[in-house]
Amino acid sequence: MNKTVVVISTLDTKAAETSYLKAQIEARGCNTLVMDLGTRGIAGIPADIGRDEIFRLGNPGEQGPAIEDRVKLGEIMTTGASIKLGELYAAGKVHGVIGIGGATNSLMETNIMRTLPFGVPKLMVCSVAASQGLASRFFGTSDIAILHSVVDFTGLNDLITDVLARSAGSIVGMVEKSGGLPKAGRNGKGLIAMTQLSMCERTASFVRSRLEEEGYQVIGFSATGVADRAMEDMIKKEGMFKAVIDLAPGGVGEELFGGTRAAGRERLEAAGLKGLPQVIAPCAVNLMTPPKSKYKPEYYQRKKYDLDPLRTFLRLSREELVTVAGEMAKKLNLAKGPVKFLIPQRGWSSFDAEGTILYEPESDQVFVQELRRQVKAEVEISEIDSNIDEQEFAAAVLQSFIEVMKSSKLRGNSKYATG
């Protein structure tokens, strides 16, 4: 295939396993570059990218990894390896990456893998992937695949060689099938990012089907705190989207109040700073999902909706709605492209409709009034006489999308507008 896989490992502790993995990958038709993160003992096999080079990249001016602080040393090696991997990718010399190890190695190696953009194959072979809380830290917002080896890397044996052979086949297969990401859509109109949740699924489906009929590709992100955070990263780093339809930006408020859908401090900023046209709606912005282990006493008195055994949505107080509106206004005021914010007057989710316990249009108006007060004049706010998950609202989203795309084109922002 004439493609190259970077193998990340520690050659002072996993030389035999790395050598076997390297041979298995090469036997399947890929080249390899072995990157050594080892810092203690002598490397058991030669590395293509040695630890001294990585250390110098992560800590310029020093001669070698002689620091005793293990945490600091790990940070230096992670930084240096990330720089090196980024350089190799920019030069067209990397088509996939695989790492092996336990908890510490996997945390370092997956951090390094995140240097590569979405679509570049990344595989972490980890012996402790099932440990509580670790897997989510390995993934982050990147498209990293994890193979849980179960058995530890303590030398070659029948079980480890089986795991490594399957791992080699997996990464080579991913590299073989990886052909770059589409960016134009069927008719050359481009990719549109759209956040959604199950409580606005009918609107999301309607909008998606209509835009796809027009030749766009709509890339959906479930706004539960990870995928919507990943969307922000992809907008910021990869420049693949023409516009954003942000139906569910509730991660902004969840970040403020410690909810399970918290989406990071930069949520709702990347598209605006890039000048992308935006259509925004408030699906579930008036709700939060704090972990039940961290409930405040007064939370038990709130109006609520049990979505499933793990997630309960609590209604925000009027004071909290004011806070969220102010935070969103700050973020939207950064926008360099056209923005339309659509407010449904009959509920902000499918289970927040007229006649339900969560339906409080007067409280929602507190948010709307504060948003209007703080947001800059260029951000257009419109109120729609429907629930967010009804066809009338979906039609308004589509019309607003057409208008922001035209506005972007009229501004001469041809990088983001389409024909």
Protein backbone atom coordinates (compact mmCIF):
# COMPACT_ATOMS: atom_id res chain seq x y z
CA MET A 1 0.00 0.00 0.00
CA ASN A 2 3.01 2.28 0.46
CA LYS A 3 1.44 3.67 3.62
CA THR A 4 3.03 4.10 7.01
CA VAL A 5 1.80 3.31 10.52
CA VAL A 6 3.49 4.92 13.51
CA VAL A 7 3.89 2.44 16.39
CA ILE A 8 4.10 4.18 19.77
CA SER A 9 5.57 2.21 22.65
CA THR A 10 8.11 2.16 25.47
CA LEU A 11 11.06 0.14 24.24
CA ASP A 12 12.60 -0.27 27.68
CA THR A 13 9.60 -2.34 28.87
CA LYS A 14 7.79 -3.55 25.73
CA ALA A 15 10.52 -4.16 23.15
CA ALA A 16 9.54 -7.75 22.33
CA GLU A 17 5.86 -6.90 21.97
CA THR A 18 6.66 -3.85 19.84
CA SER A 19 8.98 -5.83 17.59
CA TYR A 20 6.30 -8.47 17.05
CA LEU A 21 3.63 -5.85 16.30
CA LYS A 22 5.94 -4.07 13.87
CA ALA A 23 6.62 -7.31 12.00
CA GLN A 24 2.91 -8.16 11.85
CA ILE A 25 2.04 -4.74 10.40
CA GLU A 26 4.81 -4.94 7.81
CA ALA A 27 3.78 -8.48 6.85
CA ARG A 28 0.38 -7.05 5.95
CA GLY A 29 1.84 -4.47 3.55
CA CYS A 30 2.35 -1.29 5.59
CA ASN A 31 5.58 0.45 6.50
CA THR A 32 6.21 1.30 10.14
CA LEU A 33 7.90 4.02 12.17
CA VAL A 34 8.55 3.03 15.78
CA MET A 35 8.41 5.88 18.30
CA ASP A 36 10.01 5.26 21.70
CA LEU A 37 8.52 6.93 24.79
CA GLY A 38 10.70 4.98 27.21
CA THR A 39 12.56 7.01 29.83
CA ARG A 40 14.02 4.53 32.32
CA GLY A 41 15.86 1.49 31.01
CA ILE A 42 17.77 0.85 27.79
CA ALA A 43 15.72 0.43 24.62
CA GLY A 44 15.47 -3.27 23.73
CA ILE A 45 15.24 -2.61 19.97
CA PRO A 46 16.21 0.37 17.80
CA ALA A 47 13.63 3.13 17.37
CA ASP A 48 12.99 5.11 14.22
CA ILE A 49 12.06 8.09 16.40
CA GLY A 50 14.16 7.98 19.54
CA ARG A 51 13.39 9.16 23.04
CA ASP A 52 16.12 11.81 23.03
CA GLU A 53 14.64 13.52 19.98
CA ILE A 54 11.18 13.44 21.53
CA PHE A 55 12.48 14.83 24.83
CA ARG A 56 14.25 17.71 23.10
CA LEU A 57 11.11 18.61 21.16
CA GLY A 58 9.08 18.61 24.37
CA ASN A 59 11.65 20.46 26.44
CA PRO A 60 13.98 22.47 24.16
CA GLY A 61 17.46 23.12 25.49
CA GLU A 62 17.80 19.96 27.59
CA GLN A 63 19.98 17.01 26.60
CA GLY A 64 17.95 13.95 27.59
CA PRO A 65 15.25 12.48 29.81
CA ALA A 66 17.00 12.70 33.17
CA ILE A 67 14.17 14.40 35.08
CA GLU A 68 13.03 12.40 38.12
CA ASP A 69 9.54 13.95 38.33
CA ARG A 70 7.54 11.26 36.55
CA VAL A 71 4.51 13.46 35.89
CA LYS A 72 6.59 16.27 34.40
CA LEU A 73 8.63 13.82 32.36
CA GLY A 74 5.46 12.29 30.99
CA GLU A 75 4.17 15.71 29.98
CA ILE A 76 7.44 16.52 28.21
CA MET A 77 7.46 13.25 26.29
CA THR A 78 3.80 13.62 25.35
CA THR A 79 4.40 17.15 24.08
CA GLY A 80 7.47 16.17 22.10
CA ALA A 81 5.84 13.11 20.57
CA SER A 82 2.77 15.16 19.62
CA ILE A 83 4.98 17.70 17.86
CA LYS A 84 6.85 14.98 16.00
CA LEU A 85 3.69 13.15 14.96
CA GLY A 86 2.19 16.41 13.72
CA GLU A 87 5.30 17.14 11.66
CA LEU A 88 5.22 13.67 10.10
CA TYR A 89 1.55 13.98 9.25
CA ALA A 90 2.01 17.43 7.72
CA ALA A 91 4.77 15.95 5.54
CA GLY A 92 2.45 13.14 4.35
CA LYS A 93 4.48 10.45 6.11
CA VAL A 94 1.79 9.12 8.48
CA HIS A 95 -1.37 7.24 7.50
CA GLY A 96 -2.25 5.68 10.86
CA VAL A 97 -1.03 5.24 14.42
CA ILE A 98 -1.16 2.42 16.96
CA GLY A 99 -0.08 2.31 20.59
CA ILE A 100 0.25 -0.44 23.21
CA GLY A 101 0.38 -0.30 26.98
CA GLY A 102 -1.34 -0.10 30.33
CA ALA A 103 -2.92 2.88 32.06
CA THR A 104 -0.01 5.36 32.00
CA ASN A 105 1.15 4.50 28.50
CA SER A 106 -2.40 4.60 27.16
CA LEU A 107 -3.06 8.04 28.64
CA MET A 108 0.12 9.38 27.06
CA GLU A 109 -0.29 7.63 23.73
CA THR A 110 -3.93 8.59 23.21
CA ASN A 111 -3.06 12.20 24.01
CA ILE A 112 -0.42 11.97 21.28
CA MET A 113 -2.88 10.38 18.83
CA ARG A 114 -5.22 13.36 19.18
CA THR A 115 -2.65 15.36 17.23
CA LEU A 116 -4.01 13.67 14.10
CA PRO A 117 -7.28 14.91 12.62
CA PHE A 118 -10.58 13.08 12.38
CA GLY A 119 -10.45 10.26 9.83
CA VAL A 120 -6.81 9.28 10.32
CA PRO A 121 -6.86 5.73 11.81
CA LYS A 122 -5.91 5.60 15.50
CA LEU A 123 -5.86 2.40 17.55
CA MET A 124 -4.92 2.00 21.21
CA VAL A 125 -4.30 -1.54 22.46
CA CYS A 126 -4.76 -1.28 26.21
CA SER A 127 -4.71 -3.91 28.94
CA VAL A 128 -6.82 -1.84 31.37
CA ALA A 129 -9.34 -0.16 29.07
CA ALA A 130 -12.26 -1.45 31.13
CA SER A 131 -11.02 0.21 34.33
CA GLN A 132 -13.59 2.67 35.63
CA GLY A 133 -13.24 6.13 34.16
CA LEU A 134 -10.18 5.44 31.98
CA ALA A 135 -11.76 4.73 28.60
CA SER A 136 -13.51 8.10 28.38
CA ARG A 137 -10.18 9.81 29.07
CA PHE A 138 -8.55 7.81 26.27
CA PHE A 139 -11.19 8.82 23.72
CA GLY A 140 -11.51 12.49 24.61
CA THR A 141 -13.13 14.06 21.55
CA SER A 142 -11.02 12.12 19.06
CA ASP A 143 -12.01 9.15 16.86
CA ILE A 144 -9.69 6.75 18.67
CA ALA A 145 -10.47 3.02 18.55
CA ILE A 146 -9.60 0.94 21.62
CA LEU A 147 -8.87 -2.77 21.70
CA HIS A 148 -9.06 -4.14 25.23
CA SER A 149 -6.26 -6.71 25.37
CA VAL A 150 -7.35 -7.97 28.83
CA VAL A 151 -3.96 -9.65 29.36
CA ASP A 152 -1.03 -7.42 30.26
CA PHE A 153 2.08 -6.73 28.20
CA THR A 154 4.60 -8.86 30.12
CA GLY A 155 6.50 -10.48 27.25
CA LEU A 156 5.44 -12.63 24.33
CA ASN A 157 3.07 -15.52 24.93
CA ASP A 158 0.30 -17.16 22.93
CA LEU A 159 -2.37 -14.75 24.15
CA ILE A 160 -0.34 -11.58 23.62
CA THR A 161 0.80 -12.61 20.13
CA ASP A 162 -2.83 -13.30 19.25
CA VAL A 163 -3.87 -9.83 20.48
CA LEU A 164 -1.01 -8.16 18.63
CA ALA A 165 -1.69 -10.01 15.39
CA ARG A 166 -5.35 -8.95 15.52
CA SER A 167 -4.28 -5.40 16.36
CA ALA A 168 -1.96 -5.32 13.35
CA GLY A 169 -4.75 -6.56 11.12
CA SER A 170 -7.09 -3.92 12.55
CA ILE A 171 -4.83 -0.91 12.01
CA VAL A 172 -3.75 -2.08 8.54
CA GLY A 173 -7.37 -2.62 7.58
CA MET A 174 -8.29 0.87 8.77
CA VAL A 175 -5.37 2.40 6.90
CA GLU A 176 -6.27 0.47 3.76
CA LYS A 177 -9.86 1.74 3.82
CA SER A 178 -9.02 5.31 4.81
CA GLY A 179 -9.32 7.48 1.74
CA GLY A 180 -9.64 10.99 3.12
CA LEU A 181 -12.77 12.82 4.18
CA PRO A 182 -15.42 14.18 1.82
CA LYS A 183 -15.85 17.92 2.07
CA ALA A 184 -18.12 18.88 -0.78
CA GLY A 185 -21.36 16.92 -0.51
CA ARG A 186 -23.07 15.32 -3.49
CA ASN A 187 -23.56 18.57 -5.42
CA GLY A 188 -20.48 20.31 -4.14
CA LYS A 189 -22.35 22.39 -1.57
CA GLY A 190 -20.38 21.23 1.44
CA LEU A 191 -20.71 19.73 4.91
CA ILE A 192 -23.04 21.18 7.55
CA ALA A 193 -22.52 20.46 11.25
CA MET A 194 -25.70 19.97 13.27
CA THR A 195 -26.15 19.30 16.98
CA GLN A 196 -29.22 17.42 18.10
CA LEU A 197 -30.83 15.47 20.92
CA SER A 198 -33.61 12.92 21.01
CA MET A 199 -36.02 15.62 22.23
CA CYS A 200 -35.68 17.53 18.94
CA GLU A 201 -35.17 14.52 16.69
CA ARG A 202 -38.13 15.19 14.40
CA THR A 203 -36.88 18.69 13.64
CA ALA A 204 -33.34 17.41 13.11
CA SER A 205 -34.53 14.66 10.75
CA PHE A 206 -36.69 17.05 8.74
CA VAL A 207 -33.87 19.58 8.37
CA ARG A 208 -31.35 16.89 7.49
CA SER A 209 -33.48 15.29 4.80
CA ARG A 210 -34.30 18.61 3.14
CA LEU A 211 -30.69 19.80 3.13
CA GLU A 212 -29.47 16.48 1.76
CA GLU A 213 -32.00 16.81 -1.06
CA GLU A 214 -30.25 20.08 -1.89
CA GLY A 215 -26.84 18.39 -2.07
CA TYR A 216 -25.43 19.17 1.38
CA GLN A 217 -24.06 16.53 3.73
CA VAL A 218 -25.32 17.03 7.28
CA ILE A 219 -22.98 15.70 9.97
CA GLY A 220 -24.85 15.11 13.23
CA PHE A 221 -23.40 15.51 16.71
CA SER A 222 -25.31 14.26 19.75
CA ALA A 223 -25.16 17.15 22.21
CA THR A 224 -24.43 15.13 25.33
CA GLY A 225 -21.13 16.79 26.21
CA VAL A 226 -18.63 14.81 24.13
CA ALA A 227 -19.72 14.89 20.49
CA ASP A 228 -20.68 18.57 20.65
CA ARG A 229 -17.31 19.33 22.21
CA ALA A 230 -15.71 17.33 19.38
CA MET A 231 -17.66 19.43 16.88
CA GLU A 232 -16.10 22.57 18.33
CA ASP A 233 -12.63 21.03 17.96
CA MET A 234 -13.29 19.97 14.37
CA ILE A 235 -14.56 23.43 13.43
CA LYS A 236 -11.53 25.04 15.03
CA LYS A 237 -8.83 22.72 13.70
CA GLU A 238 -10.01 21.12 10.48
CA GLY A 239 -12.11 23.65 8.57
CA MET A 240 -14.39 21.08 6.95
CA PHE A 241 -17.79 22.68 7.63
CA LYS A 242 -19.60 25.39 5.66
CA ALA A 243 -22.13 26.25 8.37
CA VAL A 244 -23.52 25.12 11.72
CA ILE A 245 -27.10 24.38 12.74
CA ASP A 246 -26.82 24.26 16.52
CA LEU A 247 -30.18 22.92 17.68
CA ALA A 248 -28.93 21.85 21.12
CA PRO A 249 -26.34 24.18 22.72
CA GLY A 250 -27.34 23.19 26.26
CA GLY A 251 -23.76 22.18 27.03
CA VAL A 252 -23.07 25.86 27.73
CA GLY A 253 -25.34 25.89 30.77
CA GLU A 254 -24.34 22.40 31.83
CA GLU A 255 -20.73 23.59 31.92
CA LEU A 256 -21.73 26.42 34.26
CA PHE A 257 -23.72 24.21 36.64
CA GLY A 258 -21.72 20.97 36.56
CA GLY A 259 -24.17 18.90 34.52
CA THR A 260 -23.45 15.64 32.76
CA ARG A 261 -23.79 17.34 29.34
CA ALA A 262 -21.07 19.91 30.09
CA ALA A 263 -19.33 20.60 26.78
CA GLY A 264 -16.29 22.66 27.75
CA ARG A 265 -15.56 26.33 28.21
CA GLU A 266 -15.30 26.98 24.46
CA ARG A 267 -18.70 25.57 23.52
CA LEU A 268 -20.60 27.86 21.10
CA GLU A 269 -17.47 29.82 20.13
CA ALA A 270 -15.59 28.07 17.31
CA ALA A 271 -18.12 28.63 14.53
CA GLY A 272 -18.46 32.31 15.34
CA LEU A 273 -14.72 32.90 15.49
CA LYS A 274 -14.32 31.14 12.13
CA GLY A 275 -17.03 33.31 10.59
CA LEU A 276 -19.30 30.36 9.81
CA PRO A 277 -23.01 31.05 9.27
CA GLN A 278 -24.99 29.79 12.27
CA VAL A 279 -28.60 28.91 13.02
CA ILE A 280 -29.12 28.29 16.74
CA ALA A 281 -32.06 26.90 18.72
CA PRO A 282 -32.41 26.26 22.48
CA CYS A 283 -33.23 22.54 22.69
CA ALA A 284 -33.08 21.64 26.41
CA VAL A 285 -31.22 24.86 27.25
CA ASN A 286 -33.79 25.40 30.02
CA LEU A 287 -32.87 22.04 31.59
CA MET A 288 -29.85 20.53 33.31
CA THR A 289 -28.71 17.03 34.25
CA PRO A 290 -26.54 17.21 37.38
CA PRO A 291 -25.16 13.88 38.59
CA LYS A 292 -27.49 12.52 41.25
CA SER A 293 -24.51 12.03 43.55
CA LYS A 294 -24.07 15.83 43.52
CA TYR A 295 -27.67 16.94 43.95
CA LYS A 296 -28.22 19.99 46.10
CA PRO A 297 -31.13 19.61 48.55
CA GLU A 298 -33.34 21.99 46.59
CA TYR A 299 -32.87 19.96 43.39
CA TYR A 300 -35.29 17.37 44.75
CA GLN A 301 -38.04 20.02 44.66
CA ARG A 302 -37.46 20.96 41.03
CA LYS A 303 -39.75 20.06 38.16
CA LYS A 304 -38.12 17.11 36.41
CA TYR A 305 -38.29 14.59 33.59
CA ASP A 306 -36.76 11.11 33.90
CA LEU A 307 -35.42 10.32 30.44
CA ASP A 308 -34.01 6.94 31.47
CA PRO A 309 -32.60 5.29 34.63
CA LEU A 310 -29.37 7.29 34.32
CA ARG A 311 -30.58 10.73 33.24
CA THR A 312 -33.02 13.10 34.92
CA PHE A 313 -33.60 16.57 33.47
CA LEU A 314 -34.25 19.32 36.00
CA ARG A 315 -35.76 22.67 35.05
CA LEU A 316 -33.49 25.69 35.48
CA SER A 317 -34.56 28.45 37.82
CA ARG A 318 -35.19 31.91 36.44
CA GLU A 319 -31.91 33.10 37.91
CA GLU A 320 -30.06 30.26 36.20
CA LEU A 321 -31.76 31.05 32.89
CA VAL A 322 -30.52 34.64 33.16
CA THR A 323 -26.99 33.36 33.80
CA VAL A 324 -27.07 31.03 30.79
CA ALA A 325 -28.46 33.77 28.55
CA GLY A 326 -25.63 36.08 29.57
CA GLU A 327 -23.00 33.42 28.91
CA MET A 328 -24.43 32.61 25.49
CA ALA A 329 -24.59 36.30 24.61
CA LYS A 330 -20.88 36.68 25.38
CA LYS A 331 -20.06 33.81 23.07
CA LEU A 332 -22.36 34.92 20.26
CA ASN A 333 -20.94 38.43 20.44
CA LEU A 334 -17.64 36.93 19.23
CA ALA A 335 -19.23 35.81 15.97
CA LYS A 336 -17.76 37.15 12.73
CA GLY A 337 -20.40 35.57 10.50
CA PRO A 338 -24.21 35.78 10.35
CA VAL A 339 -26.14 34.31 13.29
CA LYS A 340 -29.86 33.62 13.70
CA PHE A 341 -31.20 32.43 17.07
CA LEU A 342 -34.67 30.88 16.83
CA ILE A 343 -36.80 30.65 19.98
CA PRO A 344 -39.78 28.25 20.06
CA GLN A 345 -42.60 29.76 22.13
CA ARG A 346 -44.30 26.44 22.95
CA GLY A 347 -41.53 24.48 24.58
CA TRP A 348 -37.84 23.85 24.09
CA SER A 349 -37.99 20.04 23.88
CA SER A 350 -40.47 17.35 22.88
CA PHE A 351 -41.24 16.66 26.56
CA ASP A 352 -41.44 20.39 27.38
CA ALA A 353 -44.68 20.96 25.46
CA GLU A 354 -47.94 22.61 26.42
CA GLY A 355 -49.67 20.52 29.07
CA THR A 356 -46.51 18.90 30.46
CA ILE A 357 -45.03 19.53 33.89
CA LEU A 358 -41.96 21.23 32.43
CA TYR A 359 -43.89 23.71 30.28
CA GLU A 360 -43.14 27.21 31.63
CA PRO A 361 -43.15 29.75 28.78
CA GLU A 362 -43.04 32.67 31.22
CA SER A 363 -39.76 31.40 32.69
CA ASP A 364 -38.34 30.81 29.22
CA GLN A 365 -39.10 34.43 28.38
CA VAL A 366 -36.69 35.49 31.13
CA PHE A 367 -33.92 33.85 29.07
CA VAL A 368 -35.13 35.49 25.86
CA GLN A 369 -35.28 38.95 27.41
CA GLU A 370 -31.80 38.66 28.89
CA LEU A 371 -30.38 37.33 25.62
CA ARG A 372 -31.91 40.25 23.70
CA ARG A 373 -30.52 42.67 26.27
CA GLN A 374 -26.93 41.43 26.10
CA VAL A 375 -26.40 40.17 22.55
CA LYS A 376 -25.06 42.46 19.82
CA ALA A 377 -27.47 43.83 17.22
CA GLU A 378 -26.01 41.70 14.43
CA VAL A 379 -27.34 38.52 16.08
CA GLU A 380 -30.93 38.14 14.92
CA ILE A 381 -33.38 36.64 17.44
CA SER A 382 -36.73 35.38 16.19
CA GLU A 383 -39.58 33.76 18.13
CA ILE A 384 -41.55 30.94 16.49
CA ASP A 385 -45.09 30.01 17.57
CA SER A 386 -44.47 26.26 17.93
CA ASN A 387 -42.69 23.63 19.96
CA ILE A 388 -39.07 23.00 18.99
CA ASP A 389 -39.89 19.50 17.72
CA GLU A 390 -42.70 20.48 15.36
CA GLN A 391 -42.61 20.93 11.60
CA GLU A 392 -43.31 24.66 11.83
CA PHE A 393 -40.11 25.12 13.77
CA ALA A 394 -38.14 22.85 11.43
CA ALA A 395 -39.35 24.92 8.48
CA ALA A 396 -38.17 28.09 10.24
CA VAL A 397 -34.74 26.51 10.76
CA LEU A 398 -34.50 25.73 7.05
CA GLN A 399 -35.55 29.23 6.04
CA SER A 400 -33.05 30.76 8.45
CA PHE A 401 -30.32 28.51 7.06
CA ILE A 402 -31.03 29.80 3.55
CA GLU A 403 -30.89 33.38 4.82
CA VAL A 404 -27.59 33.06 6.73
CA MET A 405 -25.95 31.38 3.76
CA LYS A 406 -27.08 34.18 1.46
CA SER A 407 -25.98 36.77 4.01
CA SER A 408 -22.56 35.16 4.23
CA LYS A 409 -22.22 35.24 0.46
CA LEU A 410 -23.32 38.88 0.25
CA ARG A 411 -20.67 39.78 2.81
CA GLY A 412 -18.11 38.41 0.38
CA ASN A 413 -17.33 35.56 2.73
CA SER A 414 -17.00 33.12 -0.15
CA LYS A 415 -14.92 30.71 1.92
CA TYR A 416 -18.05 29.77 3.84
CA ALA A 417 -20.97 30.57 1.55
CA THR A 418 -22.24 28.26 -1.18
CA GLY A 419 -24.03 28.77 -4.45
